Amino acid sequence: MMQGMVAGDFGGKLGLEYVEGLVTDAMKTDAPHDPDRGHYPYARQVRTGWHRDAAGAWAHDGVDDHLWEVFCQQCGDTDGPAENQNPAVRQLRGPYRHKHTAEHVANEHFKAFRAS
C-alpha cells in the first residue's frame, strides 16, 4: 500500500488539491502525452455494462455507486473492462472501496511519473 500524501501550502491550496489541479490542467492540454515524461491518472467510479458502440469504441451503461478505479491512459489503459487490460493496468485500476483511496493512488501515481 502506498504511504504518504502531498502536504503543505502551495500558493494557498492544500497539497491534494494542488496535485489534482496539475493533473486536471495537464489533461486539458492538446499536447501529445509522452509516456516517458508524465502520467495523468484520475479516479472515477467503476464503470459497468461495457460494450462496443457502433464505431467499435468501448462504451458503458452505468457505474458502480460503491467502487472506484484509477484510469491512466499513459500506462496503456485502453478503457473497457478491467479484465481486458494488462496486469499492471489492472493492478493500478483497482477497484477501491473509497473515493479517497482511489484519489490518493492516482495522486501518488502522478507524482511517481511527474514530468521533470
PDB file of N, CA and C in Angstrom:
ATOM      1  N   MET A   1       0.838  -1.174   0.000  1.00  0.00           N
ATOM      2  CA  MET A   1       0.000   0.000   0.000  1.00  0.00           C
ATOM      3  C   MET A   1       0.884   1.238   0.000  1.00  0.00           C
ATOM      4  N   MET A   2       0.437   2.257  -0.730  1.00  0.00           N
ATOM      5  CA  MET A   2       1.234   3.471  -0.817  1.00  0.00           C
ATOM      6  C   MET A   2       1.101   4.283   0.460  1.00  0.00           C
ATOM      7  N   GLN A   3       2.178   4.905   0.845  1.00  0.00           N
ATOM      8  CA  GLN A   3       2.198   5.714   2.059  1.00  0.00           C
ATOM      9  C   GLN A   3       2.484   7.152   1.688  1.00  0.00           C
ATOM     10  N   GLY A   4       2.100   8.057   2.550  1.00  0.00           N
ATOM     11  CA  GLY A   4       2.430   9.455   2.358  1.00  0.00           C
ATOM     12  C   GLY A   4       1.374  10.192   1.565  1.00  0.00           C
ATOM     13  N   MET A   5       1.429  11.510   1.657  1.00  0.00           N
ATOM     14  CA  MET A   5       0.466  12.343   0.975  1.00  0.00           C
ATOM     15  C   MET A   5       1.119  13.708   0.765  1.00  0.00           C
ATOM     16  N   VAL A   6       0.764  14.369  -0.291  1.00  0.00           N
ATOM     17  CA  VAL A   6       1.295  15.700  -0.521  1.00  0.00           C
ATOM     18  C   VAL A   6       0.718  16.610   0.551  1.00  0.00           C
ATOM     19  N   ALA A   7       1.556  17.350   1.219  1.00  0.00           N
ATOM     20  CA  ALA A   7       1.088  18.254   2.266  1.00  0.00           C
ATOM     21  C   ALA A   7       1.829  19.567   2.140  1.00  0.00           C
ATOM     22  N   GLY A   8       1.315  20.567   2.790  1.00  0.00           N
ATOM     23  CA  GLY A   8       1.977  21.859   2.777  1.00  0.00           C
ATOM     24  C   GLY A   8       1.121  22.906   2.114  1.00  0.00           C
ATOM     25  N   ASP A   9       1.693  24.087   1.971  1.00  0.00           N
ATOM     26  CA  ASP A   9       0.979  25.201   1.376  1.00  0.00           C
ATOM     27  C   ASP A   9       1.584  25.449   0.008  1.00  0.00           C
ATOM     28  N   PHE A  10       0.765  25.323  -1.023  1.00  0.00           N
ATOM     29  CA  PHE A  10       1.204  25.533  -2.390  1.00  0.00           C
ATOM     30  C   PHE A  10       0.382  26.688  -2.954  1.00  0.00           C
ATOM     31  N   GLY A  11       0.778  27.904  -2.644  1.00  0.00           N
ATOM     32  CA  GLY A  11       0.036  29.059  -3.116  1.00  0.00           C
ATOM     33  C   GLY A  11      -1.361  29.125  -2.540  1.00  0.00           C
ATOM     34  N   GLY A  12      -1.536  28.669  -1.299  1.00  0.00           N
ATOM     35  CA  GLY A  12      -2.830  28.731  -0.655  1.00  0.00           C
ATOM     36  C   GLY A  12      -3.693  27.511  -0.879  1.00  0.00           C
ATOM     37  N   LYS A  13      -3.229  26.549  -1.651  1.00  0.00           N
ATOM     38  CA  LYS A  13      -4.022  25.358  -1.906  1.00  0.00           C
ATOM     39  C   LYS A  13      -3.511  24.208  -1.048  1.00  0.00           C
ATOM     40  N   LEU A  14      -4.397  23.345  -0.652  1.00  0.00           N
ATOM     41  CA  LEU A  14      -3.977  22.138   0.049  1.00  0.00           C
ATOM     42  C   LEU A  14      -3.194  21.270  -0.916  1.00  0.00           C
ATOM     43  N   GLY A  15      -2.340  20.419  -0.414  1.00  0.00           N
ATOM     44  CA  GLY A  15      -1.491  19.589  -1.254  1.00  0.00           C
ATOM     45  C   GLY A  15      -2.245  18.743  -2.258  1.00  0.00           C
ATOM     46  N   LEU A  16      -3.268  18.013  -1.810  1.00  0.00           N
ATOM     47  CA  LEU A  16      -4.014  17.155  -2.732  1.00  0.00           C
ATOM     48  C   LEU A  16      -4.720  17.982  -3.791  1.00  0.00           C
ATOM     49  N   GLU A  17      -5.278  19.115  -3.414  1.00  0.00           N
ATOM     50  CA  GLU A  17      -5.936  19.978  -4.393  1.00  0.00           C
ATOM     51  C   GLU A  17      -4.925  20.484  -5.419  1.00  0.00           C
ATOM     52  N   TYR A  18      -3.732  20.784  -4.979  1.00  0.00           N
ATOM     53  CA  TYR A  18      -2.682  21.259  -5.867  1.00  0.00           C
ATOM     54  C   TYR A  18      -2.335  20.192  -6.911  1.00  0.00           C
ATOM     55  N   VAL A  19      -2.110  18.949  -6.470  1.00  0.00           N
ATOM     56  CA  VAL A  19      -1.762  17.867  -7.388  1.00  0.00           C
ATOM     57  C   VAL A  19      -2.923  17.596  -8.335  1.00  0.00           C
ATOM     58  N   GLU A  20      -4.144  17.554  -7.806  1.00  0.00           N
ATOM     59  CA  GLU A  20      -5.301  17.321  -8.666  1.00  0.00           C
ATOM     60  C   GLU A  20      -5.422  18.431  -9.706  1.00  0.00           C
ATOM     61  N   GLY A  21      -5.115  19.657  -9.312  1.00  0.00           N
ATOM     62  CA  GLY A  21      -5.144  20.769 -10.256  1.00  0.00           C
ATOM     63  C   GLY A  21      -4.119  20.596 -11.361  1.00  0.00           C
ATOM     64  N   LEU A  22      -2.922  20.148 -11.017  1.00  0.00           N
ATOM     65  CA  LEU A  22      -1.900  19.889 -12.033  1.00  0.00           C
ATOM     66  C   LEU A  22      -2.357  18.828 -13.019  1.00  0.00           C
ATOM     67  N   VAL A  23      -2.936  17.763 -12.499  1.00  0.00           N
ATOM     68  CA  VAL A  23      -3.414  16.682 -13.363  1.00  0.00           C
ATOM     69  C   VAL A  23      -4.530  17.201 -14.258  1.00  0.00           C
ATOM     70  N   THR A  24      -5.479  17.919 -13.684  1.00  0.00           N
ATOM     71  CA  THR A  24      -6.595  18.448 -14.465  1.00  0.00           C
ATOM     72  C   THR A  24      -6.101  19.386 -15.557  1.00  0.00           C
ATOM     73  N   ASP A  25      -5.192  20.291 -15.222  1.00  0.00           N
ATOM     74  CA  ASP A  25      -4.654  21.218 -16.219  1.00  0.00           C
ATOM     75  C   ASP A  25      -3.894  20.479 -17.314  1.00  0.00           C
ATOM     76  N   ALA A  26      -3.101  19.502 -16.935  1.00  0.00           N
ATOM     77  CA  ALA A  26      -2.323  18.747 -17.918  1.00  0.00           C
ATOM     78  C   ALA A  26      -3.239  17.970 -18.858  1.00  0.00           C
ATOM     79  N   MET A  27      -4.320  17.449 -18.323  1.00  0.00           N
ATOM     80  CA  MET A  27      -5.235  16.658 -19.146  1.00  0.00           C
ATOM     81  C   MET A  27      -6.036  17.531 -20.105  1.00  0.00           C
ATOM     82  N   LYS A  28      -6.126  18.836 -19.854  1.00  0.00           N
ATOM     83  CA  LYS A  28      -6.880  19.740 -20.725  1.00  0.00           C
ATOM     84  C   LYS A  28      -6.064  20.212 -21.919  1.00  0.00           C
ATOM     85  N   THR A  29      -4.760  19.987 -21.913  1.00  0.00           N
ATOM     86  CA  THR A  29      -3.924  20.483 -22.999  1.00  0.00           C
ATOM     87  C   THR A  29      -4.073  19.594 -24.225  1.00  0.00           C
ATOM     88  N   ASP A  30      -3.784  20.172 -25.392  1.00  0.00           N
ATOM     89  CA  ASP A  30      -3.821  19.419 -26.643  1.00  0.00           C
ATOM     90  C   ASP A  30      -2.470  18.790 -26.960  1.00  0.00           C
ATOM     91  N   ALA A  31      -1.484  19.038 -26.107  1.00  0.00           N
ATOM     92  CA  ALA A  31      -0.146  18.493 -26.342  1.00  0.00           C
ATOM     93  C   ALA A  31      -0.192  16.967 -26.259  1.00  0.00           C
ATOM     94  N   PRO A  32       0.537  16.285 -27.141  1.00  0.00           N
ATOM     95  CA  PRO A  32       0.543  14.823 -27.065  1.00  0.00           C
ATOM     96  C   PRO A  32       1.179  14.356 -25.762  1.00  0.00           C
ATOM     97  N   HIS A  33       0.657  13.273 -25.221  1.00  0.00           N
ATOM     98  CA  HIS A  33       1.203  12.733 -23.981  1.00  0.00           C
ATOM     99  C   HIS A  33       2.415  11.881 -24.289  1.00  0.00           C
ATOM    100  N   ASP A  34       3.471  12.125 -23.588  1.00  0.00           N
ATOM    101  CA  ASP A  34       4.696  11.349 -23.720  1.00  0.00           C
ATOM    102  C   ASP A  34       4.769  10.437 -22.504  1.00  0.00           C
ATOM    103  N   PRO A  35       4.571   9.111 -22.687  1.00  0.00           N
ATOM    104  CA  PRO A  35       4.536   8.229 -21.528  1.00  0.00           C
ATOM    105  C   PRO A  35       5.814   8.218 -20.710  1.00  0.00           C
ATOM    106  N   ASP A  36       6.919   8.681 -21.275  1.00  0.00           N
ATOM    107  CA  ASP A  36       8.159   8.731 -20.514  1.00  0.00           C
ATOM    108  C   ASP A  36       8.276  10.027 -19.715  1.00  0.00           C
ATOM    109  N   ARG A  37       7.377  10.975 -19.932  1.00  0.00           N
ATOM    110  CA  ARG A  37       7.506  12.276 -19.273  1.00  0.00           C
ATOM    111  C   ARG A  37       6.417  12.556 -18.237  1.00  0.00           C
ATOM    112  N   GLY A  38       5.371  11.792 -18.195  1.00  0.00           N
ATOM    113  CA  GLY A  38       4.346  12.048 -17.202  1.00  0.00           C
ATOM    114  C   GLY A  38       3.117  11.191 -17.406  1.00  0.00           C
ATOM    115  N   HIS A  39       2.424  10.978 -16.341  1.00  0.00           N
ATOM    116  CA  HIS A  39       1.176  10.229 -16.375  1.00  0.00           C
ATOM    117  C   HIS A  39       0.100  11.095 -15.747  1.00  0.00           C
ATOM    118  N   TYR A  40      -1.107  10.996 -16.255  1.00  0.00           N
ATOM    119  CA  TYR A  40      -2.204  11.833 -15.799  1.00  0.00           C
ATOM    120  C   TYR A  40      -3.395  10.963 -15.400  1.00  0.00           C
ATOM    121  N   PRO A  41      -3.238  10.211 -14.311  1.00  0.00           N
ATOM    122  CA  PRO A  41      -4.311   9.321 -13.866  1.00  0.00           C
ATOM    123  C   PRO A  41      -5.423  10.103 -13.170  1.00  0.00           C
ATOM    124  N   TYR A  42      -6.576   9.498 -13.126  1.00  0.00           N
ATOM    125  CA  TYR A  42      -7.668  10.100 -12.367  1.00  0.00           C
ATOM    126  C   TYR A  42      -8.562   9.000 -11.809  1.00  0.00           C
ATOM    127  N   ALA A  43      -9.228   9.333 -10.711  1.00  0.00           N
ATOM    128  CA  ALA A  43     -10.149   8.400 -10.067  1.00  0.00           C
ATOM    129  C   ALA A  43     -11.542   8.606 -10.657  1.00  0.00           C
ATOM    130  N   ARG A  44     -12.239   7.515 -10.850  1.00  0.00           N
ATOM    131  CA  ARG A  44     -13.611   7.558 -11.336  1.00  0.00           C
ATOM    132  C   ARG A  44     -14.375   6.384 -10.756  1.00  0.00           C
ATOM    133  N   GLN A  45     -15.687   6.455 -10.779  1.00  0.00           N
ATOM    134  CA  GLN A  45     -16.477   5.323 -10.322  1.00  0.00           C
ATOM    135  C   GLN A  45     -16.263   4.168 -11.295  1.00  0.00           C
ATOM    136  N   VAL A  46     -16.270   2.941 -10.774  1.00  0.00           N
ATOM    137  CA  VAL A  46     -16.113   1.769 -11.631  1.00  0.00           C
ATOM    138  C   VAL A  46     -17.251   1.758 -12.646  1.00  0.00           C
ATOM    139  N   ARG A  47     -16.896   1.642 -13.883  1.00  0.00           N
ATOM    140  CA  ARG A  47     -17.888   1.615 -14.961  1.00  0.00           C
ATOM    141  C   ARG A  47     -18.393   0.193 -15.169  1.00  0.00           C
ATOM    142  N   THR A  48     -19.665   0.079 -15.488  1.00  0.00           N
ATOM    143  CA  THR A  48     -20.299  -1.226 -15.664  1.00  0.00           C
ATOM    144  C   THR A  48     -21.018  -1.285 -17.013  1.00  0.00           C
ATOM    145  N   GLY A  49     -21.376  -2.486 -17.401  1.00  0.00           N
ATOM    146  CA  GLY A  49     -22.119  -2.672 -18.644  1.00  0.00           C
ATOM    147  C   GLY A  49     -21.319  -2.344 -19.884  1.00  0.00           C
ATOM    148  N   TRP A  50     -20.064  -2.772 -19.906  1.00  0.00           N
ATOM    149  CA  TRP A  50     -19.200  -2.473 -21.052  1.00  0.00           C
ATOM    150  C   TRP A  50     -19.716  -3.143 -22.313  1.00  0.00           C
ATOM    151  N   HIS A  51     -19.636  -2.422 -23.418  1.00  0.00           N
ATOM    152  CA  HIS A  51     -19.983  -2.951 -24.738  1.00  0.00           C
ATOM    153  C   HIS A  51     -19.306  -2.074 -25.796  1.00  0.00           C
ATOM    154  N   ARG A  52     -19.281  -2.560 -27.002  1.00  0.00           N
ATOM    155  CA  ARG A  52     -18.716  -1.782 -28.109  1.00  0.00           C
ATOM    156  C   ARG A  52     -19.837  -0.967 -28.761  1.00  0.00           C
ATOM    157  N   ASP A  53     -19.552   0.294 -29.054  1.00  0.00           N
ATOM    158  CA  ASP A  53     -20.548   1.118 -29.743  1.00  0.00           C
ATOM    159  C   ASP A  53     -20.484   0.858 -31.250  1.00  0.00           C
ATOM    160  N   ALA A  54     -21.273   1.575 -32.018  1.00  0.00           N
ATOM    161  CA  ALA A  54     -21.344   1.357 -33.467  1.00  0.00           C
ATOM    162  C   ALA A  54     -20.000   1.579 -34.155  1.00  0.00           C
ATOM    163  N   ALA A  55     -19.161   2.435 -33.584  1.00  0.00           N
ATOM    164  CA  ALA A  55     -17.841   2.709 -34.165  1.00  0.00           C
ATOM    165  C   ALA A  55     -16.778   1.738 -33.667  1.00  0.00           C
ATOM    166  N   GLY A  56     -17.143   0.844 -32.755  1.00  0.00           N
ATOM    167  CA  GLY A  56     -16.192  -0.125 -32.224  1.00  0.00           C
ATOM    168  C   GLY A  56     -15.456   0.332 -30.980  1.00  0.00           C
ATOM    169  N   ALA A  57     -15.766   1.524 -30.483  1.00  0.00           N
ATOM    170  CA  ALA A  57     -15.125   2.035 -29.270  1.00  0.00           C
ATOM    171  C   ALA A  57     -15.855   1.492 -28.042  1.00  0.00           C
ATOM    172  N   TRP A  58     -15.143   1.397 -26.916  1.00  0.00           N
ATOM    173  CA  TRP A  58     -15.760   0.943 -25.678  1.00  0.00           C
ATOM    174  C   TRP A  58     -16.750   1.981 -25.171  1.00  0.00           C
ATOM    175  N   ALA A  59     -17.883   1.518 -24.703  1.00  0.00           N
ATOM    176  CA  ALA A  59     -18.907   2.356 -24.082  1.00  0.00           C
ATOM    177  C   ALA A  59     -19.404   1.607 -22.856  1.00  0.00           C
ATOM    178  N   HIS A  60     -20.013   2.330 -21.929  1.00  0.00           N
ATOM    179  CA  HIS A  60     -20.543   1.692 -20.722  1.00  0.00           C
ATOM    180  C   HIS A  60     -21.950   2.197 -20.455  1.00  0.00           C
ATOM    181  N   ASP A  61     -22.724   1.374 -19.759  1.00  0.00           N
ATOM    182  CA  ASP A  61     -24.119   1.714 -19.473  1.00  0.00           C
ATOM    183  C   ASP A  61     -24.330   2.285 -18.083  1.00  0.00           C
ATOM    184  N   GLY A  62     -23.370   2.131 -17.186  1.00  0.00           N
ATOM    185  CA  GLY A  62     -23.579   2.605 -15.829  1.00  0.00           C
ATOM    186  C   GLY A  62     -22.297   2.650 -15.036  1.00  0.00           C
ATOM    187  N   VAL A  63     -22.453   2.970 -13.757  1.00  0.00           N
ATOM    188  CA  VAL A  63     -21.329   2.990 -12.829  1.00  0.00           C
ATOM    189  C   VAL A  63     -21.749   2.298 -11.536  1.00  0.00           C
ATOM    190  N   ASP A  64     -20.761   1.794 -10.825  1.00  0.00           N
ATOM    191  CA  ASP A  64     -20.999   1.195  -9.515  1.00  0.00           C
ATOM    192  C   ASP A  64     -20.920   2.309  -8.479  1.00  0.00           C
ATOM    193  N   ASP A  65     -21.981   2.503  -7.733  1.00  0.00           N
ATOM    194  CA  ASP A  65     -22.029   3.594  -6.754  1.00  0.00           C
ATOM    195  C   ASP A  65     -21.127   3.380  -5.553  1.00  0.00           C
ATOM    196  N   HIS A  66     -20.532   2.187  -5.423  1.00  0.00           N
ATOM    197  CA  HIS A  66     -19.775   1.871  -4.220  1.00  0.00           C
ATOM    198  C   HIS A  66     -18.305   1.549  -4.471  1.00  0.00           C
ATOM    199  N   LEU A  67     -17.869   1.529  -5.725  1.00  0.00           N
ATOM    200  CA  LEU A  67     -16.480   1.198  -6.037  1.00  0.00           C
ATOM    201  C   LEU A  67     -15.874   2.257  -6.947  1.00  0.00           C
ATOM    202  N   TRP A  68     -14.562   2.453  -6.776  1.00  0.00           N
ATOM    203  CA  TRP A  68     -13.804   3.441  -7.532  1.00  0.00           C
ATOM    204  C   TRP A  68     -12.635   2.760  -8.221  1.00  0.00           C
ATOM    205  N   GLU A  69     -12.123   3.378  -9.281  1.00  0.00           N
ATOM    206  CA  GLU A  69     -10.965   2.863 -10.007  1.00  0.00           C
ATOM    207  C   GLU A  69     -10.098   4.028 -10.445  1.00  0.00           C
ATOM    208  N   VAL A  70      -8.867   3.701 -10.821  1.00  0.00           N
ATOM    209  CA  VAL A  70      -7.926   4.705 -11.315  1.00  0.00           C
ATOM    210  C   VAL A  70      -7.676   4.411 -12.786  1.00  0.00           C
ATOM    211  N   PHE A  71      -7.856   5.410 -13.609  1.00  0.00           N
ATOM    212  CA  PHE A  71      -7.644   5.282 -15.052  1.00  0.00           C
ATOM    213  C   PHE A  71      -6.406   6.073 -15.430  1.00  0.00           C
ATOM    214  N   CYS A  72      -5.486   5.436 -16.165  1.00  0.00           N
ATOM    215  CA  CYS A  72      -4.274   6.117 -16.630  1.00  0.00           C
ATOM    216  C   CYS A  72      -3.974   5.661 -18.059  1.00  0.00           C
ATOM    217  N   GLN A  73      -4.339   6.502 -19.004  1.00  0.00           N
ATOM    218  CA  GLN A  73      -4.124   6.183 -20.414  1.00  0.00           C
ATOM    219  C   GLN A  73      -2.644   5.996 -20.729  1.00  0.00           C
ATOM    220  N   GLN A  74      -1.777   6.775 -20.081  1.00  0.00           N
ATOM    221  CA  GLN A  74      -0.350   6.694 -20.367  1.00  0.00           C
ATOM    222  C   GLN A  74       0.256   5.363 -19.932  1.00  0.00           C
ATOM    223  N   CYS A  75      -0.426   4.621 -19.065  1.00  0.00           N
ATOM    224  CA  CYS A  75       0.033   3.287 -18.665  1.00  0.00           C
ATOM    225  C   CYS A  75      -0.448   2.220 -19.637  1.00  0.00           C
ATOM    226  N   GLY A  76      -1.238   2.632 -20.625  1.00  0.00           N
ATOM    227  CA  GLY A  76      -1.751   1.679 -21.598  1.00  0.00           C
ATOM    228  C   GLY A  76      -3.183   1.266 -21.345  1.00  0.00           C
ATOM    229  N   ASP A  77      -3.858   1.915 -20.396  1.00  0.00           N
ATOM    230  CA  ASP A  77      -5.264   1.599 -20.158  1.00  0.00           C
ATOM    231  C   ASP A  77      -6.049   2.027 -21.390  1.00  0.00           C
ATOM    232  N   THR A  78      -6.734   1.079 -21.991  1.00  0.00           N
ATOM    233  CA  THR A  78      -7.479   1.346 -23.218  1.00  0.00           C
ATOM    234  C   THR A  78      -8.962   1.486 -22.946  1.00  0.00           C
ATOM    235  N   ASP A  79      -9.318   1.664 -21.671  1.00  0.00           N
ATOM    236  CA  ASP A  79     -10.706   1.707 -21.231  1.00  0.00           C
ATOM    237  C   ASP A  79     -11.323   0.337 -21.470  1.00  0.00           C
ATOM    238  N   GLY A  80     -12.575   0.198 -21.329  1.00  0.00           N
ATOM    239  CA  GLY A  80     -13.193  -1.113 -21.450  1.00  0.00           C
ATOM    240  C   GLY A  80     -13.043  -1.913 -20.169  1.00  0.00           C
ATOM    241  N   PRO A  81     -13.461  -3.156 -20.197  1.00  0.00           N
ATOM    242  CA  PRO A  81     -13.434  -3.994 -18.994  1.00  0.00           C
ATOM    243  C   PRO A  81     -12.016  -4.176 -18.443  1.00  0.00           C
ATOM    244  N   ALA A  82     -11.913  -4.180 -17.126  1.00  0.00           N
ATOM    245  CA  ALA A  82     -10.603  -4.339 -16.481  1.00  0.00           C
ATOM    246  C   ALA A  82      -9.937  -5.646 -16.884  1.00  0.00           C
ATOM    247  N   GLU A  83     -10.721  -6.697 -17.056  1.00  0.00           N
ATOM    248  CA  GLU A  83     -10.113  -7.993 -17.392  1.00  0.00           C
ATOM    249  C   GLU A  83      -9.456  -7.990 -18.771  1.00  0.00           C
ATOM    250  N   ASN A  84      -9.710  -6.988 -19.595  1.00  0.00           N
ATOM    251  CA  ASN A  84      -9.067  -6.887 -20.908  1.00  0.00           C
ATOM    252  C   ASN A  84      -7.748  -6.118 -20.855  1.00  0.00           C
ATOM    253  N   GLN A  85      -7.378  -5.606 -19.682  1.00  0.00           N
ATOM    254  CA  GLN A  85      -6.176  -4.796 -19.537  1.00  0.00           C
ATOM    255  C   GLN A  85      -4.992  -5.664 -19.118  1.00  0.00           C
ATOM    256  N   ASN A  86      -3.785  -5.139 -19.326  1.00  0.00           N
ATOM    257  CA  ASN A  86      -2.600  -5.889 -18.903  1.00  0.00           C
ATOM    258  C   ASN A  86      -2.535  -5.888 -17.367  1.00  0.00           C
ATOM    259  N   PRO A  87      -1.756  -6.796 -16.780  1.00  0.00           N
ATOM    260  CA  PRO A  87      -1.731  -6.927 -15.314  1.00  0.00           C
ATOM    261  C   PRO A  87      -1.371  -5.641 -14.569  1.00  0.00           C
ATOM    262  N   ALA A  88      -0.433  -4.862 -15.079  1.00  0.00           N
ATOM    263  CA  ALA A  88      -0.051  -3.625 -14.387  1.00  0.00           C
ATOM    264  C   ALA A  88      -1.211  -2.630 -14.385  1.00  0.00           C
ATOM    265  N   VAL A  89      -1.918  -2.528 -15.484  1.00  0.00           N
ATOM    266  CA  VAL A  89      -3.073  -1.624 -15.567  1.00  0.00           C
ATOM    267  C   VAL A  89      -4.176  -2.110 -14.638  1.00  0.00           C
ATOM    268  N   ARG A  90      -4.428  -3.410 -14.623  1.00  0.00           N
ATOM    269  CA  ARG A  90      -5.463  -3.960 -13.728  1.00  0.00           C
ATOM    270  C   ARG A  90      -5.136  -3.659 -12.280  1.00  0.00           C
ATOM    271  N   GLN A  91      -3.858  -3.775 -11.913  1.00  0.00           N
ATOM    272  CA  GLN A  91      -3.465  -3.512 -10.529  1.00  0.00           C
ATOM    273  C   GLN A  91      -3.690  -2.042 -10.173  1.00  0.00           C
ATOM    274  N   LEU A  92      -3.290  -1.120 -11.049  1.00  0.00           N
ATOM    275  CA  LEU A  92      -3.499   0.298 -10.791  1.00  0.00           C
ATOM    276  C   LEU A  92      -4.987   0.628 -10.764  1.00  0.00           C
ATOM    277  N   ARG A  93      -5.729   0.047 -11.681  1.00  0.00           N
ATOM    278  CA  ARG A  93      -7.145   0.388 -11.810  1.00  0.00           C
ATOM    279  C   ARG A  93      -7.931   0.052 -10.552  1.00  0.00           C
ATOM    280  N   GLY A  94      -7.596  -0.998  -9.893  1.00  0.00           N
ATOM    281  CA  GLY A  94      -8.315  -1.345  -8.659  1.00  0.00           C
ATOM    282  C   GLY A  94      -9.273  -2.497  -8.869  1.00  0.00           C
ATOM    283  N   PRO A  95     -10.388  -2.491  -8.243  1.00  0.00           N
ATOM    284  CA  PRO A  95     -11.157  -1.378  -7.699  1.00  0.00           C
ATOM    285  C   PRO A  95     -10.802  -1.036  -6.251  1.00  0.00           C
ATOM    286  N   TYR A  96     -11.239   0.162  -5.848  1.00  0.00           N
ATOM    287  CA  TYR A  96     -11.028   0.672  -4.499  1.00  0.00           C
ATOM    288  C   TYR A  96     -12.393   0.931  -3.859  1.00  0.00           C
ATOM    289  N   ARG A  97     -12.483   0.665  -2.562  1.00  0.00           N
ATOM    290  CA  ARG A  97     -13.768   0.801  -1.869  1.00  0.00           C
ATOM    291  C   ARG A  97     -14.152   2.250  -1.574  1.00  0.00           C
ATOM    292  N   HIS A  98     -13.173   3.141  -1.574  1.00  0.00           N
ATOM    293  CA  HIS A  98     -13.454   4.528  -1.217  1.00  0.00           C
ATOM    294  C   HIS A  98     -12.871   5.477  -2.257  1.00  0.00           C
ATOM    295  N   LYS A  99     -13.600   6.534  -2.549  1.00  0.00           N
ATOM    296  CA  LYS A  99     -13.140   7.549  -3.489  1.00  0.00           C
ATOM    297  C   LYS A  99     -11.806   8.137  -3.027  1.00  0.00           C
ATOM    298  N   HIS A 100     -11.692   8.405  -1.732  1.00  0.00           N
ATOM    299  CA  HIS A 100     -10.462   8.989  -1.195  1.00  0.00           C
ATOM    300  C   HIS A 100      -9.251   8.092  -1.493  1.00  0.00           C
ATOM    301  N   THR A 101      -9.416   6.800  -1.339  1.00  0.00           N
ATOM    302  CA  THR A 101      -8.308   5.869  -1.604  1.00  0.00           C
ATOM    303  C   THR A 101      -7.919   5.911  -3.074  1.00  0.00           C
ATOM    304  N   ALA A 102      -8.901   5.875  -3.965  1.00  0.00           N
ATOM    305  CA  ALA A 102      -8.608   5.921  -5.402  1.00  0.00           C
ATOM    306  C   ALA A 102      -7.919   7.231  -5.777  1.00  0.00           C
ATOM    307  N   GLU A 103      -8.382   8.341  -5.212  1.00  0.00           N
ATOM    308  CA  GLU A 103      -7.754   9.628  -5.493  1.00  0.00           C
ATOM    309  C   GLU A 103      -6.319   9.661  -4.976  1.00  0.00           C
ATOM    310  N   HIS A 104      -6.101   9.073  -3.816  1.00  0.00           N
ATOM    311  CA  HIS A 104      -4.744   9.030  -3.255  1.00  0.00           C
ATOM    312  C   HIS A 104      -3.820   8.202  -4.156  1.00  0.00           C
ATOM    313  N   VAL A 105      -4.294   7.052  -4.615  1.00  0.00           N
ATOM    314  CA  VAL A 105      -3.487   6.211  -5.515  1.00  0.00           C
ATOM    315  C   VAL A 105      -3.187   6.975  -6.799  1.00  0.00           C
ATOM    316  N   ALA A 106      -4.183   7.653  -7.356  1.00  0.00           N
ATOM    317  CA  ALA A 106      -3.967   8.436  -8.579  1.00  0.00           C
ATOM    318  C   ALA A 106      -2.939   9.534  -8.343  1.00  0.00           C
ATOM    319  N   ASN A 107      -3.020  10.221  -7.218  1.00  0.00           N
ATOM    320  CA  ASN A 107      -2.062  11.281  -6.899  1.00  0.00           C
ATOM    321  C   ASN A 107      -0.651  10.730  -6.741  1.00  0.00           C
ATOM    322  N   GLU A 108      -0.522   9.611  -6.055  1.00  0.00           N
ATOM    323  CA  GLU A 108       0.801   9.000  -5.883  1.00  0.00           C
ATOM    324  C   GLU A 108       1.358   8.536  -7.229  1.00  0.00           C
ATOM    325  N   HIS A 109       0.503   7.999  -8.079  1.00  0.00           N
ATOM    326  CA  HIS A 109       0.933   7.562  -9.406  1.00  0.00           C
ATOM    327  C   HIS A 109       1.383   8.774 -10.225  1.00  0.00           C
ATOM    328  N   PHE A 110       0.626   9.856 -10.159  1.00  0.00           N
ATOM    329  CA  PHE A 110       1.009  11.085 -10.853  1.00  0.00           C
ATOM    330  C   PHE A 110       2.381  11.560 -10.391  1.00  0.00           C
ATOM    331  N   LYS A 111       2.601  11.595  -9.074  1.00  0.00           N
ATOM    332  CA  LYS A 111       3.888  12.042  -8.539  1.00  0.00           C
ATOM    333  C   LYS A 111       5.026  11.140  -8.996  1.00  0.00           C
ATOM    334  N   ALA A 112       4.772   9.838  -9.080  1.00  0.00           N
ATOM    335  CA  ALA A 112       5.819   8.900  -9.476  1.00  0.00           C
ATOM    336  C   ALA A 112       6.257   9.111 -10.923  1.00  0.00           C
ATOM    337  N   PHE A 113       5.352   9.609 -11.762  1.00  0.00           N
ATOM    338  CA  PHE A 113       5.663   9.785 -13.182  1.00  0.00           C
ATOM    339  C   PHE A 113       5.616  11.248 -13.603  1.00  0.00           C
ATOM    340  N   ARG A 114       5.730  12.156 -12.651  1.00  0.00           N
ATOM    341  CA  ARG A 114       5.635  13.591 -12.920  1.00  0.00           C
ATOM    342  C   ARG A 114       6.723  14.011 -13.914  1.00  0.00           C
ATOM    343  N   ALA A 115       6.333  14.840 -14.849  1.00  0.00           N
ATOM    344  CA  ALA A 115       7.305  15.365 -15.807  1.00  0.00           C
ATOM    345  C   ALA A 115       8.320  16.228 -15.077  1.00  0.00           C
ATOM    346  N   SER A 116       9.573  16.089 -15.462  1.00  0.00           N
ATOM    347  CA  SER A 116      10.617  16.876 -14.795  1.00  0.00           C
ATOM    348  C   SER A 116      10.943  18.123 -15.570  1.00  0.00           C
TER     349      SER A 116
END
